[in-house]
C-alpha atoms as a PDB file:
ATOM      1  CA  UNK A   1      -7.114 -20.670  -6.784  1.00  0.00           C
ATOM      2  CA  UNK A   2      -4.255 -21.276  -8.930  1.00  0.00           C
ATOM      3  CA  UNK A   3      -4.506 -18.331 -10.999  1.00  0.00           C
ATOM      4  CA  UNK A   4      -4.888 -16.487  -7.882  1.00  0.00           C
ATOM      5  CA  UNK A   5      -1.650 -17.820  -6.181  1.00  0.00           C
ATOM      6  CA  UNK A   6       0.268 -17.357  -9.640  1.00  0.00           C
ATOM      7  CA  UNK A   7      -0.418 -14.123  -8.838  1.00  0.00           C
ATOM      8  CA  UNK A   8       0.986 -13.033  -6.204  1.00  0.00           C
ATOM      9  CA  UNK A   9       4.244 -15.328  -6.752  1.00  0.00           C
ATOM     10  CA  UNK A  10       4.649 -13.399 -10.069  1.00  0.00           C
ATOM     11  CA  UNK A  11       3.817  -9.821  -8.124  1.00  0.00           C
ATOM     12  CA  UNK A  12       6.660 -10.850  -5.442  1.00  0.00           C
ATOM     13  CA  UNK A  13       9.298 -12.160  -8.164  1.00  0.00           C
ATOM     14  CA  UNK A  14       8.508  -8.717 -10.114  1.00  0.00           C
ATOM     15  CA  UNK A  15       8.879  -6.471  -6.887  1.00  0.00           C
ATOM     16  CA  UNK A  16      12.125  -7.818  -5.856  1.00  0.00           C
ATOM     17  CA  UNK A  17      13.646  -7.266  -9.464  1.00  0.00           C
ATOM     18  CA  UNK A  18      12.388  -3.406  -9.395  1.00  0.00           C
ATOM     19  CA  UNK A  19      13.485  -2.986  -5.736  1.00  0.00           C
ATOM     20  CA  UNK A  20      17.013  -4.266  -6.545  1.00  0.00           C
ATOM     21  CA  UNK A  21      16.427  -1.822  -9.483  1.00  0.00           C
ATOM     22  CA  UNK A  22      15.254   1.046  -7.304  1.00  0.00           C
ATOM     23  CA  UNK A  23      17.700   0.474  -4.885  1.00  0.00           C
ATOM     24  CA  UNK A  24      20.783   0.963  -7.754  1.00  0.00           C
ATOM     25  CA  UNK A  25      19.305   3.899  -8.909  1.00  0.00           C
ATOM     26  CA  UNK A  26      18.895   5.773  -5.278  1.00  0.00           C
ATOM     27  CA  UNK A  27      22.448   4.441  -4.501  1.00  0.00           C
ATOM     28  CA  UNK A  28      23.741   6.081  -7.743  1.00  0.00           C
ATOM     29  CA  UNK A  29      22.258   9.575  -7.215  1.00  0.00           C
ATOM     30  CA  UNK A  30      23.644   9.177  -3.847  1.00  0.00           C
ATOM     31  CA  UNK A  31      26.854   8.796  -4.886  1.00  0.00           C
ATOM     32  CA  UNK A  32      26.581  11.615  -7.691  1.00  0.00           C
ATOM     33  CA  UNK A  33      26.482  14.293  -4.806  1.00  0.00           C
ATOM     34  CA  UNK A  34      29.413  12.352  -2.824  1.00  0.00           C
ATOM     35  CA  UNK A  35      32.404  14.663  -2.234  1.00  0.00           C
ATOM     36  CA  UNK A  36      35.712  14.257  -4.304  1.00  0.00           C
ATOM     37  CA  UNK A  37      37.674  11.947  -3.498  1.00  0.00           C
ATOM     38  CA  UNK A  38      36.086  10.799  -0.794  1.00  0.00           C
ATOM     39  CA  UNK A  39      36.294   7.405   0.403  1.00  0.00           C
ATOM     40  CA  UNK A  40      33.804   7.121   3.206  1.00  0.00           C
ATOM     41  CA  UNK A  41      30.703   5.327   2.607  1.00  0.00           C
ATOM     42  CA  UNK A  42      27.057   6.502   3.385  1.00  0.00           C
ATOM     43  CA  UNK A  43      26.281   4.897   6.303  1.00  0.00           C
ATOM     44  CA  UNK A  44      29.731   5.249   8.029  1.00  0.00           C
ATOM     45  CA  UNK A  45      29.657   6.881  11.688  1.00  0.00           C
ATOM     46  CA  UNK A  46      31.074  10.476  11.097  1.00  0.00           C
ATOM     47  CA  UNK A  47      31.808  13.587  13.459  1.00  0.00           C
ATOM     48  CA  UNK A  48      29.808  16.313  13.260  1.00  0.00           C
ATOM     49  CA  UNK A  49      30.379  18.757  10.636  1.00  0.00           C
ATOM     50  CA  UNK A  50      32.447  16.440   8.756  1.00  0.00           C
ATOM     51  CA  UNK A  51      32.732  15.769   5.101  1.00  0.00           C
ATOM     52  CA  UNK A  52      31.070  12.704   5.598  1.00  0.00           C
ATOM     53  CA  UNK A  53      28.413  14.130   7.823  1.00  0.00           C
ATOM     54  CA  UNK A  54      27.337  17.111   5.502  1.00  0.00           C
ATOM     55  CA  UNK A  55      27.364  14.188   2.641  1.00  0.00           C
ATOM     56  CA  UNK A  56      24.723  12.305   4.877  1.00  0.00           C
ATOM     57  CA  UNK A  57      22.683  15.757   5.332  1.00  0.00           C
ATOM     58  CA  UNK A  58      22.600  16.364   1.621  1.00  0.00           C
ATOM     59  CA  UNK A  59      21.332  12.656   1.164  1.00  0.00           C
ATOM     60  CA  UNK A  60      18.468  13.078   3.430  1.00  0.00           C
ATOM     61  CA  UNK A  61      17.498  16.881   1.983  1.00  0.00           C
ATOM     62  CA  UNK A  62      17.813  14.891  -1.710  1.00  0.00           C
ATOM     63  CA  UNK A  63      15.675  12.238  -0.718  1.00  0.00           C
ATOM     64  CA  UNK A  64      12.948  13.642   1.116  1.00  0.00           C
ATOM     65  CA  UNK A  65      13.163  16.693  -0.879  1.00  0.00           C
ATOM     66  CA  UNK A  66      12.889  16.303  -4.915  1.00  0.00           C
ATOM     67  CA  UNK A  67      12.793  12.595  -4.624  1.00  0.00           C
ATOM     68  CA  UNK A  68      10.150  12.236  -2.592  1.00  0.00           C
ATOM     69  CA  UNK A  69       8.130  15.069  -4.326  1.00  0.00           C
ATOM     70  CA  UNK A  70       8.483  13.602  -7.696  1.00  0.00           C
ATOM     71  CA  UNK A  71       7.307  10.207  -6.465  1.00  0.00           C
ATOM     72  CA  UNK A  72       4.453  11.914  -4.693  1.00  0.00           C
ATOM     73  CA  UNK A  73       3.636  13.495  -8.263  1.00  0.00           C
ATOM     74  CA  UNK A  74       3.375   9.857 -10.067  1.00  0.00           C
ATOM     75  CA  UNK A  75       1.222   8.872  -7.358  1.00  0.00           C
ATOM     76  CA  UNK A  76      -1.233  11.327  -7.747  1.00  0.00           C
ATOM     77  CA  UNK A  77      -1.028  10.566 -11.692  1.00  0.00           C
ATOM     78  CA  UNK A  78      -1.981   7.117 -10.655  1.00  0.00           C
ATOM     79  CA  UNK A  79      -5.042   8.266  -8.366  1.00  0.00           C
ATOM     80  CA  UNK A  80      -6.203  10.911 -11.118  1.00  0.00           C
ATOM     81  CA  UNK A  81      -6.001   8.033 -14.062  1.00  0.00           C
ATOM     82  CA  UNK A  82      -8.339   5.507 -11.765  1.00  0.00           C
ATOM     83  CA  UNK A  83     -11.013   8.376 -12.695  1.00  0.00           C
ATOM     84  CA  UNK A  84     -11.295   6.362 -16.177  1.00  0.00           C
ATOM     85  CA  UNK A  85     -12.763   3.072 -14.426  1.00  0.00           C
ATOM     86  CA  UNK A  86     -15.929   3.164 -12.343  1.00  0.00           C
ATOM     87  CA  UNK A  87     -17.505   0.263 -10.334  1.00  0.00           C
ATOM     88  CA  UNK A  88     -19.373  -2.709 -11.859  1.00  0.00           C
ATOM     89  CA  UNK A  89     -20.859  -3.432  -8.833  1.00  0.00           C
ATOM     90  CA  UNK A  90     -19.681  -6.927  -8.067  1.00  0.00           C
ATOM     91  CA  UNK A  91     -19.777  -5.598  -3.961  1.00  0.00           C
ATOM     92  CA  UNK A  92     -16.625  -7.622  -3.365  1.00  0.00           C
ATOM     93  CA  UNK A  93     -15.713  -5.020  -1.552  1.00  0.00           C
ATOM     94  CA  UNK A  94     -18.616  -4.743   0.469  1.00  0.00           C
ATOM     95  CA  UNK A  95     -19.020  -8.432   1.217  1.00  0.00           C
ATOM     96  CA  UNK A  96     -15.472  -8.869   1.728  1.00  0.00           C
ATOM     97  CA  UNK A  97     -13.396  -5.886   3.839  1.00  0.00           C
ATOM     98  CA  UNK A  98     -10.205  -7.017   5.509  1.00  0.00           C
ATOM     99  CA  UNK A  99      -8.379  -5.258   8.190  1.00  0.00           C
ATOM    100  CA  UNK A 100      -5.619  -6.316  10.114  1.00  0.00           C
ATOM    101  CA  UNK A 101      -7.333  -4.867  13.174  1.00  0.00           C
ATOM    102  CA  UNK A 102     -10.077  -6.617  15.371  1.00  0.00           C
ATOM    103  CA  UNK A 103     -13.300  -4.826  16.208  1.00  0.00           C
ATOM    104  CA  UNK A 104     -12.451  -4.022  19.541  1.00  0.00           C
ATOM    105  CA  UNK A 105      -8.792  -2.542  17.907  1.00  0.00           C
ATOM    106  CA  UNK A 106     -11.033  -0.263  15.413  1.00  0.00           C
ATOM    107  CA  UNK A 107     -12.750   0.810  17.992  1.00  0.00           C
ATOM    108  CA  UNK A 108     -10.584   1.485  20.228  1.00  0.00           C
ATOM    109  CA  UNK A 109      -8.276   3.633  16.910  1.00  0.00           C
ATOM    110  CA  UNK A 110     -11.950   5.286  16.338  1.00  0.00           C
ATOM    111  CA  UNK A 111     -12.381   6.275  19.957  1.00  0.00           C
ATOM    112  CA  UNK A 112      -9.022   7.905  19.753  1.00  0.00           C
ATOM    113  CA  UNK A 113      -9.848   9.860  16.906  1.00  0.00           C
ATOM    114  CA  UNK A 114      -8.495   7.636  13.654  1.00  0.00           C
ATOM    115  CA  UNK A 115     -11.169   8.821  10.832  1.00  0.00           C
ATOM    116  CA  UNK A 116     -10.249   5.744   8.831  1.00  0.00           C
ATOM    117  CA  UNK A 117     -11.421   3.383  11.819  1.00  0.00           C
ATOM    118  CA  UNK A 118     -14.405   5.689  12.679  1.00  0.00           C
ATOM    119  CA  UNK A 119     -15.377   5.378   8.750  1.00  0.00           C
ATOM    120  CA  UNK A 120     -14.596   1.947   8.601  1.00  0.00           C
ATOM    121  CA  UNK A 121     -16.928   0.524  11.533  1.00  0.00           C
ATOM    122  CA  UNK A 122     -19.279   3.245  10.283  1.00  0.00           C
ATOM    123  CA  UNK A 123     -20.086   1.137   7.235  1.00  0.00           C
ATOM    124  CA  UNK A 124     -18.868  -2.805   8.274  1.00  0.00           C
ATOM    125  CA  UNK A 125     -19.741  -5.419  10.850  1.00  0.00           C
ATOM    126  CA  UNK A 126     -17.755  -8.609  11.455  1.00  0.00           C
ATOM    127  CA  UNK A 127     -18.514 -11.551   9.753  1.00  0.00           C
ATOM    128  CA  UNK A 128     -19.085 -14.330  12.631  1.00  0.00           C
ATOM    129  CA  UNK A 129     -16.805 -16.747  10.900  1.00  0.00           C
ATOM    130  CA  UNK A 130     -14.099 -17.174   8.282  1.00  0.00           C
ATOM    131  CA  UNK A 131     -16.149 -19.619   6.935  1.00  0.00           C
ATOM    132  CA  UNK A 132     -19.110 -17.421   6.133  1.00  0.00           C
ATOM    133  CA  UNK A 133     -16.264 -14.872   4.834  1.00  0.00           C
ATOM    134  CA  UNK A 134     -15.032 -17.863   2.428  1.00  0.00           C
ATOM    135  CA  UNK A 135     -18.066 -17.832   0.675  1.00  0.00           C
ATOM    136  CA  UNK A 136     -17.857 -14.419  -0.746  1.00  0.00           C
ATOM    137  CA  UNK A 137     -14.170 -14.987  -1.854  1.00  0.00           C
ATOM    138  CA  UNK A 138     -12.766 -18.729  -1.265  1.00  0.00           C
ATOM    139  CA  UNK A 139      -9.575 -17.834  -3.170  1.00  0.00           C
ATOM    140  CA  UNK A 140      -8.239 -15.158  -1.369  1.00  0.00           C
ATOM    141  CA  UNK A 141      -9.277 -16.669   1.980  1.00  0.00           C
ATOM    142  CA  UNK A 142      -7.336 -19.702   1.059  1.00  0.00           C
ATOM    143  CA  UNK A 143      -4.675 -17.787  -0.188  1.00  0.00           C
ATOM    144  CA  UNK A 144      -4.276 -16.082   3.143  1.00  0.00           C
ATOM    145  CA  UNK A 145      -4.208 -19.209   4.762  1.00  0.00           C
ATOM    146  CA  UNK A 146      -1.674 -20.511   2.753  1.00  0.00           C
ATOM    147  CA  UNK A 147       0.421 -17.655   3.539  1.00  0.00           C
ATOM    148  CA  UNK A 148      -0.186 -18.133   7.188  1.00  0.00           C
ATOM    149  CA  UNK A 149      -1.696 -14.835   7.679  1.00  0.00           C
ATOM    150  CA  UNK A 150      -4.298 -15.580  10.378  1.00  0.00           C
ATOM    151  CA  UNK A 151      -4.398 -11.896  11.661  1.00  0.00           C
ATOM    152  CA  UNK A 152      -6.597 -11.018   9.007  1.00  0.00           C
ATOM    153  CA  UNK A 153     -10.367  -9.803  10.486  1.00  0.00           C
ATOM    154  CA  UNK A 154     -12.993 -10.084   7.611  1.00  0.00           C
ATOM    155  CA  UNK A 155     -16.195  -7.592   7.754  1.00  0.00           C
ATOM    156  CA  UNK A 156     -19.029  -7.154   5.648  1.00  0.00           C
ATOM    157  CA  UNK A 157     -21.801  -4.259   5.039  1.00  0.00           C
ATOM    158  CA  UNK A 158     -24.877  -4.628   6.177  1.00  0.00           C
ATOM    159  CA  UNK A 159     -26.579  -2.123   3.988  1.00  0.00           C
ATOM    160  CA  UNK A 160     -26.002  -4.465   0.455  1.00  0.00           C
ATOM    161  CA  UNK A 161     -29.515  -5.233  -0.584  1.00  0.00           C
ATOM    162  CA  UNK A 162     -29.870  -8.562  -2.273  1.00  0.00           C
ATOM    163  CA  UNK A 163     -29.152  -7.486  -5.718  1.00  0.00           C
ATOM    164  CA  UNK A 164     -25.799  -6.175  -4.393  1.00  0.00           C
ATOM    165  CA  UNK A 165     -26.824  -2.741  -4.529  1.00  0.00           C
ATOM    166  CA  UNK A 166     -26.131  -0.019  -1.704  1.00  0.00           C
ATOM    167  CA  UNK A 167     -29.133   1.193   0.157  1.00  0.00           C
ATOM    168  CA  UNK A 168     -27.822   4.311   1.335  1.00  0.00           C
ATOM    169  CA  UNK A 169     -25.261   4.718  -1.822  1.00  0.00           C
ATOM    170  CA  UNK A 170     -25.703   8.389  -1.665  1.00  0.00           C
ATOM    171  CA  UNK A 171     -24.185   9.366   2.080  1.00  0.00           C
ATOM    172  CA  UNK A 172     -21.864   6.554   1.900  1.00  0.00           C
ATOM    173  CA  UNK A 173     -18.365   7.490   3.645  1.00  0.00           C
ATOM    174  CA  UNK A 174     -15.142   8.323   1.813  1.00  0.00           C
ATOM    175  CA  UNK A 175     -13.466   5.131   2.248  1.00  0.00           C
ATOM    176  CA  UNK A 176     -16.371   4.068  -0.157  1.00  0.00           C
ATOM    177  CA  UNK A 177     -15.950   6.571  -2.857  1.00  0.00           C
ATOM    178  CA  UNK A 178     -11.883   6.378  -2.872  1.00  0.00           C
ATOM    179  CA  UNK A 179     -11.816   2.307  -3.132  1.00  0.00           C
ATOM    180  CA  UNK A 180      -9.726   0.781  -4.411  1.00  0.00           C
ATOM    181  CA  UNK A 181      -6.835   3.533  -3.646  1.00  0.00           C
ATOM    182  CA  UNK A 182      -3.780   0.879  -4.053  1.00  0.00           C
ATOM    183  CA  UNK A 183      -3.177  -0.416  -7.112  1.00  0.00           C
ATOM    184  CA  UNK A 184      -1.386  -2.866  -5.528  1.00  0.00           C
ATOM    185  CA  UNK A 185      -4.569  -4.445  -3.541  1.00  0.00           C
ATOM    186  CA  UNK A 186      -5.783  -7.802  -4.318  1.00  0.00           C
ATOM    187  CA  UNK A 187      -8.708  -7.129  -6.348  1.00  0.00           C
ATOM    188  CA  UNK A 188     -11.199 -10.173  -8.051  1.00  0.00           C
ATOM    189  CA  UNK A 189     -11.753  -9.841 -11.712  1.00  0.00           C
ATOM    190  CA  UNK A 190     -15.027  -8.852 -11.629  1.00  0.00           C
ATOM    191  CA  UNK A 191     -13.960  -5.817 -10.082  1.00  0.00           C
ATOM    192  CA  UNK A 192     -14.095  -2.431 -12.214  1.00  0.00           C
ATOM    193  CA  UNK A 193     -10.887  -1.070 -11.760  1.00  0.00           C
ATOM    194  CA  UNK A 194      -9.130  -4.216 -12.494  1.00  0.00           C
ATOM    195  CA  UNK A 195      -7.862  -3.146 -15.678  1.00  0.00           C
ATOM    196  CA  UNK A 196      -7.036   0.203 -13.586  1.00  0.00           C
ATOM    197  CA  UNK A 197      -4.833  -2.251 -11.100  1.00  0.00           C
ATOM    198  CA  UNK A 198      -2.972  -3.988 -14.138  1.00  0.00           C
ATOM    199  CA  UNK A 199      -1.973  -1.021 -16.445  1.00  0.00           C
ATOM    200  CA  UNK A 200      -0.450   0.977 -13.040  1.00  0.00           C
ATOM    201  CA  UNK A 201       0.976  -1.900 -10.958  1.00  0.00           C
ATOM    202  CA  UNK A 202       4.787  -1.696 -12.755  1.00  0.00           C
ATOM    203  CA  UNK A 203       4.785   1.721 -11.785  1.00  0.00           C
ATOM    204  CA  UNK A 204       3.029   1.439  -8.726  1.00  0.00           C
ATOM    205  CA  UNK A 205       5.497  -1.141  -7.621  1.00  0.00           C
ATOM    206  CA  UNK A 206       8.685   0.900  -8.125  1.00  0.00           C
ATOM    207  CA  UNK A 207       7.011   4.128  -6.574  1.00  0.00           C
ATOM    208  CA  UNK A 208       6.447   1.657  -3.222  1.00  0.00           C
ATOM    209  CA  UNK A 209      10.308   0.345  -3.647  1.00  0.00           C
ATOM    210  CA  UNK A 210      11.733   3.664  -3.447  1.00  0.00           C
ATOM    211  CA  UNK A 211       9.380   4.767  -0.720  1.00  0.00           C
ATOM    212  CA  UNK A 212      10.910   1.501   1.454  1.00  0.00           C
ATOM    213  CA  UNK A 213      14.306   2.398   0.123  1.00  0.00           C
ATOM    214  CA  UNK A 214      14.083   6.308   1.176  1.00  0.00           C
ATOM    215  CA  UNK A 215      12.140   5.344   4.383  1.00  0.00           C
ATOM    216  CA  UNK A 216      15.321   3.013   5.076  1.00  0.00           C
ATOM    217  CA  UNK A 217      18.024   5.698   4.087  1.00  0.00           C
ATOM    218  CA  UNK A 218      16.631   8.295   6.302  1.00  0.00           C
ATOM    219  CA  UNK A 219      16.069   5.867   9.180  1.00  0.00           C
ATOM    220  CA  UNK A 220      19.616   4.650   9.210  1.00  0.00           C
ATOM    221  CA  UNK A 221      21.264   8.266   8.753  1.00  0.00           C
ATOM    222  CA  UNK A 222      19.232   9.604  11.409  1.00  0.00           C
ATOM    223  CA  UNK A 223      20.152   6.978  13.659  1.00  0.00           C
ATOM    224  CA  UNK A 224      24.186   7.309  12.923  1.00  0.00           C
ATOM    225  CA  UNK A 225      23.734  10.923  13.684  1.00  0.00           C
END
């Protein structure tokens, strides 16, 4: 538990530092397109078609255009690099899948056409209790409890054999084939993708921070319009 807790605290600290750096970089890019000798700020309220309003429009165009495209390109590079690693059969992901949604909520989402929920329910069934899930990855459960993450539901795949093999491997859904598709996920040391996560995590943190900041800028400016 100490190692996992330390890892999460370190990750949060790194993210704060990266977030601040990303915020400065984006602000610098926004300031670069600021009209010359203009004294207003990007989040000020401006009249329609005014110089300030046009600056805000150009900012949204910049952030959702070239910058977002570059973020998307780098994210695809991260996912492509994942192909250099492979599953080693630790079966942790099969034995302990977590979701913020209850089985009932997932069924409702699936009935409404949510593809991920449909795939998830085609594979996983809920544990009878948290204590059952704790046996699989006790450090992770303890971490969630420590951080008061109570609204997390635990699931497992009933198709897993006693020797940790998938009994329906050839027909496994895309969510199984793609896992893990997020390098910021918590992975056990036994996972074959742990090295991938560790190598790309700094870049992934930077890209995640930029997405958050861009979303903030766009929402704030649109609200002012």
